[in-house]
Amino acid sequence: MGIKEDNTKFSQRISPKYFALPTTNNQPLPSPELTKYLEIELTDSYEEFQYWQVDCYETVVSTKNVTALNIIKLLKDIHFLAIYNAEKFQIGSDLLFWYYYTQSFKQVILKDQFIPALKYRQLSSENPHKKGKKKTAKAAFEIYATWEIISEQYEANILKYIDYMPLICMAGKATVSYPIEFFDRETLLRHFSEYVLHDLVTHTPSTAAFDKQITDSLIESCFYPRQHNPLTTNTALEEYQQ
């Protein structure tokens, strides 16, 4: 699949996660894609959803001692294999969904439909019950430099693709917790999109001339968030308010 990491790094990318799958007789039902190949009688009915351990691959690559997301290219490679190796290789509905969504979302990146942004997070507030003339301390806060998507097509795609998303896409968790809950479709799509954009921009190679040009600017904070986030100075607050 075009994965070029050595075996040690590759094995480090494999880890157990948990998926809520339809279960009957204490066994997960086969996936719809697998069902047609099984020579046994199957039923669509199930008793409950139950968490099952699944070995998962973290879709990142190593670049200059840091890891970067590789999901758009990897899904494209997997889709290519599924088309031209159909007798040996079949893609599931969840990966097929993410393939089509990433191909659509890619236009946001190619058309530069994003801008530098600041996000404010309040950590604590003043005590409204405190009496006396002594002034209370200012509310503690954190400000994060990031990138914001500005695209009408992106908003339209979000509404379109939440109707297409299979339930399995929302069923995964890093650890088991009950009661079983599924992610919200729209929240998941927006989180995924923002993370992909942020990761891609912040791993774009720069030059010394460009770094000099953006020194001490909002662009620098957004381009190198690991060096600046969170921003907690009064200057950062003023810039955020502007």
C-alpha atoms as a PDB file:
ATOM      1  CA  MET A   1       0.000   0.000   0.000  1.00  0.00           C
ATOM      2  CA  GLY A   2       2.965   2.310  -0.437  1.00  0.00           C
ATOM      3  CA  ILE A   3       3.905   2.203   3.253  1.00  0.00           C
ATOM      4  CA  LYS A   4       7.665   2.722   3.341  1.00  0.00           C
ATOM      5  CA  GLU A   5       8.391   2.520   7.057  1.00  0.00           C
ATOM      6  CA  ASP A   6      10.606  -0.243   8.370  1.00  0.00           C
ATOM      7  CA  ASN A   7       9.122  -3.206  10.220  1.00  0.00           C
ATOM      8  CA  THR A   8       9.881  -1.789  13.670  1.00  0.00           C
ATOM      9  CA  LYS A   9       8.076   1.485  13.020  1.00  0.00           C
ATOM     10  CA  PHE A  10       5.314  -0.288  11.168  1.00  0.00           C
ATOM     11  CA  SER A  11       4.649  -2.619  14.106  1.00  0.00           C
ATOM     12  CA  GLN A  12       4.533   0.407  16.441  1.00  0.00           C
ATOM     13  CA  ARG A  13       1.666   1.774  14.364  1.00  0.00           C
ATOM     14  CA  ILE A  14      -0.463  -1.322  15.099  1.00  0.00           C
ATOM     15  CA  SER A  15      -2.545  -1.127  18.264  1.00  0.00           C
ATOM     16  CA  PRO A  16      -5.829  -2.589  19.552  1.00  0.00           C
ATOM     17  CA  LYS A  17      -8.931  -0.386  19.416  1.00  0.00           C
ATOM     18  CA  TYR A  18     -12.564  -1.205  20.089  1.00  0.00           C
ATOM     19  CA  PHE A  19     -15.615  -1.101  17.829  1.00  0.00           C
ATOM     20  CA  ALA A  20     -19.262  -1.424  18.788  1.00  0.00           C
ATOM     21  CA  LEU A  21     -20.516  -4.158  16.452  1.00  0.00           C
ATOM     22  CA  PRO A  22     -23.932  -5.807  16.140  1.00  0.00           C
ATOM     23  CA  THR A  23     -23.671  -9.016  18.152  1.00  0.00           C
ATOM     24  CA  THR A  24     -25.685 -12.214  18.475  1.00  0.00           C
ATOM     25  CA  ASN A  25     -24.854 -15.428  20.392  1.00  0.00           C
ATOM     26  CA  ASN A  26     -21.834 -13.581  21.801  1.00  0.00           C
ATOM     27  CA  GLN A  27     -20.327 -13.235  18.319  1.00  0.00           C
ATOM     28  CA  PRO A  28     -20.077 -10.145  16.099  1.00  0.00           C
ATOM     29  CA  LEU A  29     -22.041 -10.363  12.854  1.00  0.00           C
ATOM     30  CA  PRO A  30     -19.866 -10.453   9.703  1.00  0.00           C
ATOM     31  CA  SER A  31     -19.567  -7.221   7.756  1.00  0.00           C
ATOM     32  CA  PRO A  32     -21.955  -6.789   4.792  1.00  0.00           C
ATOM     33  CA  GLU A  33     -18.949  -7.042   2.432  1.00  0.00           C
ATOM     34  CA  LEU A  34     -17.866 -10.372   3.948  1.00  0.00           C
ATOM     35  CA  THR A  35     -21.334 -11.919   4.179  1.00  0.00           C
ATOM     36  CA  LYS A  36     -21.612 -12.833   0.493  1.00  0.00           C
ATOM     37  CA  TYR A  37     -18.436 -14.959   0.657  1.00  0.00           C
ATOM     38  CA  LEU A  38     -19.438 -17.049   3.685  1.00  0.00           C
ATOM     39  CA  GLU A  39     -21.033 -20.424   2.928  1.00  0.00           C
ATOM     40  CA  ILE A  40     -23.259 -20.348   5.999  1.00  0.00           C
ATOM     41  CA  GLU A  41     -26.765 -19.119   6.656  1.00  0.00           C
ATOM     42  CA  LEU A  42     -26.701 -15.638   8.097  1.00  0.00           C
ATOM     43  CA  THR A  43     -29.283 -13.379   9.638  1.00  0.00           C
ATOM     44  CA  ASP A  44     -29.575  -9.619   9.661  1.00  0.00           C
ATOM     45  CA  SER A  45     -31.047  -9.598  13.161  1.00  0.00           C
ATOM     46  CA  TYR A  46     -28.887  -9.044  16.222  1.00  0.00           C
ATOM     47  CA  GLU A  47     -29.369  -8.945  19.981  1.00  0.00           C
ATOM     48  CA  GLU A  48     -27.249  -5.934  20.935  1.00  0.00           C
ATOM     49  CA  PHE A  49     -24.202  -3.839  20.177  1.00  0.00           C
ATOM     50  CA  GLN A  50     -21.051  -4.977  21.936  1.00  0.00           C
ATOM     51  CA  TYR A  51     -17.428  -3.773  21.859  1.00  0.00           C
ATOM     52  CA  TRP A  52     -14.961  -6.000  20.017  1.00  0.00           C
ATOM     53  CA  GLN A  53     -11.197  -5.565  19.828  1.00  0.00           C
ATOM     54  CA  VAL A  54      -9.820  -4.752  16.378  1.00  0.00           C
ATOM     55  CA  ASP A  55      -6.137  -4.313  15.504  1.00  0.00           C
ATOM     56  CA  CYS A  56      -5.804  -0.905  13.843  1.00  0.00           C
ATOM     57  CA  TYR A  57      -3.093   0.868  11.853  1.00  0.00           C
ATOM     58  CA  GLU A  58      -2.285   4.494  12.653  1.00  0.00           C
ATOM     59  CA  THR A  59      -2.236   6.320   9.314  1.00  0.00           C
ATOM     60  CA  VAL A  60       0.850   8.484   9.835  1.00  0.00           C
ATOM     61  CA  VAL A  61       4.333   8.732   8.351  1.00  0.00           C
ATOM     62  CA  SER A  62       7.606   9.892   9.897  1.00  0.00           C
ATOM     63  CA  THR A  63       8.952  13.228   8.649  1.00  0.00           C
ATOM     64  CA  LYS A  64      11.982  14.902  10.253  1.00  0.00           C
ATOM     65  CA  ASN A  65      11.533  13.222  13.653  1.00  0.00           C
ATOM     66  CA  VAL A  66       7.812  14.047  13.803  1.00  0.00           C
ATOM     67  CA  THR A  67       4.761  12.183  12.559  1.00  0.00           C
ATOM     68  CA  ALA A  68       2.399  13.545   9.930  1.00  0.00           C
ATOM     69  CA  LEU A  69      -1.002  12.354   8.808  1.00  0.00           C
ATOM     70  CA  ASN A  70      -1.015  10.353   5.578  1.00  0.00           C
ATOM     71  CA  ILE A  71      -4.700   9.561   5.254  1.00  0.00           C
ATOM     72  CA  ILE A  72      -5.620  11.157   1.894  1.00  0.00           C
ATOM     73  CA  LYS A  73      -2.812   9.440  -0.023  1.00  0.00           C
ATOM     74  CA  LEU A  74      -3.217   6.133   1.823  1.00  0.00           C
ATOM     75  CA  LEU A  75      -6.947   5.960   1.113  1.00  0.00           C
ATOM     76  CA  LYS A  76      -6.266   6.732  -2.543  1.00  0.00           C
ATOM     77  CA  ASP A  77      -3.742   3.867  -2.692  1.00  0.00           C
ATOM     78  CA  ILE A  78      -6.170   1.472  -0.990  1.00  0.00           C
ATOM     79  CA  HIS A  79      -8.959   2.447  -3.376  1.00  0.00           C
ATOM     80  CA  PHE A  80      -6.646   1.869  -6.350  1.00  0.00           C
ATOM     81  CA  LEU A  81      -5.824  -1.631  -5.079  1.00  0.00           C
ATOM     82  CA  ALA A  82      -9.505  -2.384  -4.538  1.00  0.00           C
ATOM     83  CA  ILE A  83     -10.309  -1.498  -8.147  1.00  0.00           C
ATOM     84  CA  TYR A  84      -7.435  -3.324  -9.846  1.00  0.00           C
ATOM     85  CA  ASN A  85      -7.092  -6.246  -7.422  1.00  0.00           C
ATOM     86  CA  ALA A  86     -10.757  -6.974  -6.849  1.00  0.00           C
ATOM     87  CA  GLU A  87     -10.258 -10.740  -6.683  1.00  0.00           C
ATOM     88  CA  LYS A  88      -7.824 -10.405  -3.752  1.00  0.00           C
ATOM     89  CA  PHE A  89      -8.733  -7.118  -2.152  1.00  0.00           C
ATOM     90  CA  GLN A  90     -12.018  -5.531  -1.137  1.00  0.00           C
ATOM     91  CA  ILE A  91     -12.648  -2.219   0.556  1.00  0.00           C
ATOM     92  CA  GLY A  92     -15.180  -1.894   3.389  1.00  0.00           C
ATOM     93  CA  SER A  93     -18.002   0.638   3.439  1.00  0.00           C
ATOM     94  CA  ASP A  94     -16.232   2.720   6.098  1.00  0.00           C
ATOM     95  CA  LEU A  95     -12.979   3.115   4.146  1.00  0.00           C
ATOM     96  CA  LEU A  96     -14.962   3.695   0.959  1.00  0.00           C
ATOM     97  CA  PHE A  97     -16.820   6.521   2.672  1.00  0.00           C
ATOM     98  CA  TRP A  98     -13.607   8.150   3.929  1.00  0.00           C
ATOM     99  CA  TYR A  99     -12.034   7.802   0.475  1.00  0.00           C
ATOM    100  CA  TYR A 100     -14.852   9.702  -1.238  1.00  0.00           C
ATOM    101  CA  TYR A 101     -14.999  12.313   1.520  1.00  0.00           C
ATOM    102  CA  THR A 102     -11.245  12.996   1.473  1.00  0.00           C
ATOM    103  CA  GLN A 103     -11.301  13.347  -2.312  1.00  0.00           C
ATOM    104  CA  SER A 104     -14.047  15.948  -1.933  1.00  0.00           C
ATOM    105  CA  PHE A 105     -12.379  17.706   1.000  1.00  0.00           C
ATOM    106  CA  LYS A 106      -9.092  17.859  -0.899  1.00  0.00           C
ATOM    107  CA  GLN A 107     -10.529  20.733  -2.948  1.00  0.00           C
ATOM    108  CA  VAL A 108     -10.543  22.939   0.160  1.00  0.00           C
ATOM    109  CA  ILE A 109      -6.773  22.478   0.383  1.00  0.00           C
ATOM    110  CA  LEU A 110      -6.034  22.794  -3.336  1.00  0.00           C
ATOM    111  CA  LYS A 111      -8.066  26.012  -3.608  1.00  0.00           C
ATOM    112  CA  ASP A 112      -6.547  27.527  -0.428  1.00  0.00           C
ATOM    113  CA  GLN A 113      -9.950  27.902   1.196  1.00  0.00           C
ATOM    114  CA  PHE A 114      -8.594  28.411   4.703  1.00  0.00           C
ATOM    115  CA  ILE A 115      -7.166  31.251   6.784  1.00  0.00           C
ATOM    116  CA  PRO A 116      -5.101  31.675   9.979  1.00  0.00           C
ATOM    117  CA  ALA A 117      -7.301  31.745  13.061  1.00  0.00           C
ATOM    118  CA  LEU A 118      -7.264  31.980  16.845  1.00  0.00           C
ATOM    119  CA  LYS A 119      -9.484  29.929  19.158  1.00  0.00           C
ATOM    120  CA  TYR A 120     -10.179  31.042  22.715  1.00  0.00           C
ATOM    121  CA  ARG A 121     -10.598  28.669  25.635  1.00  0.00           C
ATOM    122  CA  GLN A 122     -11.576  29.916  29.084  1.00  0.00           C
ATOM    123  CA  LEU A 123     -10.003  27.942  31.931  1.00  0.00           C
ATOM    124  CA  SER A 124     -11.651  29.633  34.923  1.00  0.00           C
ATOM    125  CA  SER A 125     -13.859  32.608  35.692  1.00  0.00           C
ATOM    126  CA  GLU A 126     -14.069  35.267  38.345  1.00  0.00           C
ATOM    127  CA  ASN A 127     -15.954  34.350  41.508  1.00  0.00           C
ATOM    128  CA  PRO A 128     -19.288  36.216  41.325  1.00  0.00           C
ATOM    129  CA  HIS A 129     -19.940  35.625  45.046  1.00  0.00           C
ATOM    130  CA  LYS A 130     -16.697  37.212  46.237  1.00  0.00           C
ATOM    131  CA  LYS A 131     -17.400  40.364  48.304  1.00  0.00           C
ATOM    132  CA  GLY A 132     -15.292  43.351  49.234  1.00  0.00           C
ATOM    133  CA  LYS A 133     -13.416  46.068  47.385  1.00  0.00           C
ATOM    134  CA  LYS A 134     -10.504  43.869  46.405  1.00  0.00           C
ATOM    135  CA  LYS A 135     -10.596  43.157  42.686  1.00  0.00           C
ATOM    136  CA  THR A 136     -10.709  39.577  41.601  1.00  0.00           C
ATOM    137  CA  ALA A 137      -8.053  38.136  39.303  1.00  0.00           C
ATOM    138  CA  LYS A 138      -8.631  38.116  35.567  1.00  0.00           C
ATOM    139  CA  ALA A 139     -10.143  35.011  34.093  1.00  0.00           C
ATOM    140  CA  ALA A 140      -7.529  32.449  33.113  1.00  0.00           C
ATOM    141  CA  PHE A 141      -7.544  31.567  29.430  1.00  0.00           C
ATOM    142  CA  GLU A 142      -5.679  29.853  26.620  1.00  0.00           C
ATOM    143  CA  ILE A 143      -5.622  30.910  22.976  1.00  0.00           C
ATOM    144  CA  TYR A 144      -4.693  28.467  20.235  1.00  0.00           C
ATOM    145  CA  ALA A 145      -3.344  29.448  16.827  1.00  0.00           C
ATOM    146  CA  THR A 146      -4.875  27.256  14.153  1.00  0.00           C
ATOM    147  CA  TRP A 147      -6.423  27.261  10.664  1.00  0.00           C
ATOM    148  CA  GLU A 148     -10.070  27.900   9.819  1.00  0.00           C
ATOM    149  CA  ILE A 149     -11.902  26.549   6.774  1.00  0.00           C
ATOM    150  CA  ILE A 150     -13.791  29.199   4.766  1.00  0.00           C
ATOM    151  CA  SER A 151     -15.647  27.418   1.998  1.00  0.00           C
ATOM    152  CA  GLU A 152     -19.322  27.309   1.059  1.00  0.00           C
ATOM    153  CA  GLN A 153     -18.700  24.033  -0.762  1.00  0.00           C
ATOM    154  CA  TYR A 154     -17.187  22.548   2.407  1.00  0.00           C
ATOM    155  CA  GLU A 155     -20.328  23.413   4.380  1.00  0.00           C
ATOM    156  CA  ALA A 156     -22.505  21.887   1.647  1.00  0.00           C
ATOM    157  CA  ASN A 157     -20.365  18.726   1.611  1.00  0.00           C
ATOM    158  CA  ILE A 158     -20.685  18.335   5.381  1.00  0.00           C
ATOM    159  CA  LEU A 159     -24.480  18.288   5.067  1.00  0.00           C
ATOM    160  CA  LYS A 160     -24.297  15.874   2.132  1.00  0.00           C
ATOM    161  CA  TYR A 161     -21.827  13.390   3.590  1.00  0.00           C
ATOM    162  CA  ILE A 162     -23.435  13.058   7.020  1.00  0.00           C
ATOM    163  CA  ASP A 163     -26.257  11.266   5.192  1.00  0.00           C
ATOM    164  CA  TYR A 164     -23.758   8.875   3.556  1.00  0.00           C
ATOM    165  CA  MET A 165     -21.677   7.994   6.622  1.00  0.00           C
ATOM    166  CA  PRO A 166     -22.047   4.319   7.681  1.00  0.00           C
ATOM    167  CA  LEU A 167     -22.636   3.669  11.372  1.00  0.00           C
ATOM    168  CA  ILE A 168     -19.326   1.759  11.610  1.00  0.00           C
ATOM    169  CA  CYS A 169     -17.455   5.060  11.061  1.00  0.00           C
ATOM    170  CA  MET A 170     -18.834   6.350  14.370  1.00  0.00           C
ATOM    171  CA  ALA A 171     -18.477   3.117  16.349  1.00  0.00           C
ATOM    172  CA  GLY A 172     -14.753   3.100  17.225  1.00  0.00           C
ATOM    173  CA  LYS A 173     -13.090   4.002  20.534  1.00  0.00           C
ATOM    174  CA  ALA A 174      -9.602   3.849  21.998  1.00  0.00           C
ATOM    175  CA  THR A 175     -10.903   2.199  25.186  1.00  0.00           C
ATOM    176  CA  VAL A 176     -14.066   0.371  26.171  1.00  0.00           C
ATOM    177  CA  SER A 177     -16.671   2.388  28.041  1.00  0.00           C
ATOM    178  CA  TYR A 178     -20.338   1.793  28.760  1.00  0.00           C
ATOM    179  CA  PRO A 179     -23.060   2.622  27.936  1.00  0.00           C
ATOM    180  CA  ILE A 180     -22.173   2.316  24.250  1.00  0.00           C
ATOM    181  CA  GLU A 181     -22.280   5.668  22.471  1.00  0.00           C
ATOM    182  CA  PHE A 182     -21.656   6.568  18.856  1.00  0.00           C
ATOM    183  CA  PHE A 183     -19.973   9.755  17.667  1.00  0.00           C
ATOM    184  CA  ASP A 184     -22.135  12.491  16.185  1.00  0.00           C
ATOM    185  CA  ARG A 185     -21.776  12.460  12.393  1.00  0.00           C
ATOM    186  CA  GLU A 186     -21.380  16.204  11.831  1.00  0.00           C
ATOM    187  CA  THR A 187     -19.029  16.712  14.779  1.00  0.00           C
ATOM    188  CA  LEU A 188     -16.872  13.802  13.611  1.00  0.00           C
ATOM    189  CA  LEU A 189     -16.660  15.105  10.019  1.00  0.00           C
ATOM    190  CA  ARG A 190     -15.722  18.623  11.136  1.00  0.00           C
ATOM    191  CA  HIS A 191     -13.124  17.365  13.606  1.00  0.00           C
ATOM    192  CA  PHE A 192     -11.603  15.090  10.971  1.00  0.00           C
ATOM    193  CA  SER A 193     -11.502  17.883   8.361  1.00  0.00           C
ATOM    194  CA  GLU A 194      -9.958  20.462  10.686  1.00  0.00           C
ATOM    195  CA  TYR A 195      -7.339  17.993  11.908  1.00  0.00           C
ATOM    196  CA  VAL A 196      -6.352  16.940   8.362  1.00  0.00           C
ATOM    197  CA  LEU A 197      -5.997  20.587   7.293  1.00  0.00           C
ATOM    198  CA  HIS A 198      -4.048  21.599  10.406  1.00  0.00           C
ATOM    199  CA  ASP A 199      -1.698  18.633  10.103  1.00  0.00           C
ATOM    200  CA  LEU A 200      -1.033  19.171   6.394  1.00  0.00           C
ATOM    201  CA  VAL A 201      -0.327  22.915   6.673  1.00  0.00           C
ATOM    202  CA  THR A 202       1.911  22.629   9.724  1.00  0.00           C
ATOM    203  CA  HIS A 203       4.000  19.904   8.044  1.00  0.00           C
ATOM    204  CA  THR A 204       4.505  21.872   4.824  1.00  0.00           C
ATOM    205  CA  PRO A 205       8.266  22.475   4.332  1.00  0.00           C
ATOM    206  CA  SER A 206       9.336  26.091   4.816  1.00  0.00           C
ATOM    207  CA  THR A 207      12.395  28.180   3.912  1.00  0.00           C
ATOM    208  CA  ALA A 208      14.586  30.490   5.994  1.00  0.00           C
ATOM    209  CA  ALA A 209      13.422  33.471   3.923  1.00  0.00           C
ATOM    210  CA  PHE A 210       9.752  32.683   4.549  1.00  0.00           C
ATOM    211  CA  ASP A 211      10.347  32.087   8.268  1.00  0.00           C
ATOM    212  CA  LYS A 212      12.050  35.499   8.502  1.00  0.00           C
ATOM    213  CA  GLN A 213       9.140  37.137   6.720  1.00  0.00           C
ATOM    214  CA  ILE A 214       6.541  35.803   9.179  1.00  0.00           C
ATOM    215  CA  THR A 215       8.572  36.268  12.408  1.00  0.00           C
ATOM    216  CA  ASP A 216       6.479  37.497  15.376  1.00  0.00           C
ATOM    217  CA  SER A 217       3.267  37.375  13.385  1.00  0.00           C
ATOM    218  CA  LEU A 218      -0.030  35.517  13.605  1.00  0.00           C
ATOM    219  CA  ILE A 219       1.087  33.454  10.606  1.00  0.00           C
ATOM    220  CA  GLU A 220       4.144  32.215  12.510  1.00  0.00           C
ATOM    221  CA  SER A 221       2.000  31.093  15.449  1.00  0.00           C
ATOM    222  CA  CYS A 222      -0.348  29.220  13.111  1.00  0.00           C
ATOM    223  CA  PHE A 223       2.439  27.736  10.997  1.00  0.00           C
ATOM    224  CA  TYR A 224       4.448  26.542  14.028  1.00  0.00           C
ATOM    225  CA  PRO A 225       1.740  25.876  16.646  1.00  0.00           C
ATOM    226  CA  ARG A 226       3.872  23.415  18.630  1.00  0.00           C
ATOM    227  CA  GLN A 227       6.289  26.245  19.432  1.00  0.00           C
ATOM    228  CA  HIS A 228       3.624  28.788  20.434  1.00  0.00           C
ATOM    229  CA  ASN A 229       0.437  27.103  21.666  1.00  0.00           C
ATOM    230  CA  PRO A 230      -1.140  27.826  24.001  1.00  0.00           C
ATOM    231  CA  LEU A 231      -0.889  31.637  23.862  1.00  0.00           C
ATOM    232  CA  THR A 232      -1.540  33.157  27.297  1.00  0.00           C
ATOM    233  CA  THR A 233      -0.185  36.727  27.170  1.00  0.00           C
ATOM    234  CA  ASN A 234      -2.224  39.927  27.235  1.00  0.00           C
ATOM    235  CA  THR A 235      -0.842  40.721  23.789  1.00  0.00           C
ATOM    236  CA  ALA A 236      -2.268  37.461  22.478  1.00  0.00           C
ATOM    237  CA  LEU A 237      -5.638  38.305  24.077  1.00  0.00           C
ATOM    238  CA  GLU A 238      -5.675  41.728  22.425  1.00  0.00           C
ATOM    239  CA  GLU A 239      -4.843  40.168  19.061  1.00  0.00           C
ATOM    240  CA  TYR A 240      -7.609  37.614  19.514  1.00  0.00           C
ATOM    241  CA  GLN A 241     -10.149  40.348  20.388  1.00  0.00           C
ATOM    242  CA  GLN A 242      -9.132  42.335  17.297  1.00  0.00           C
END
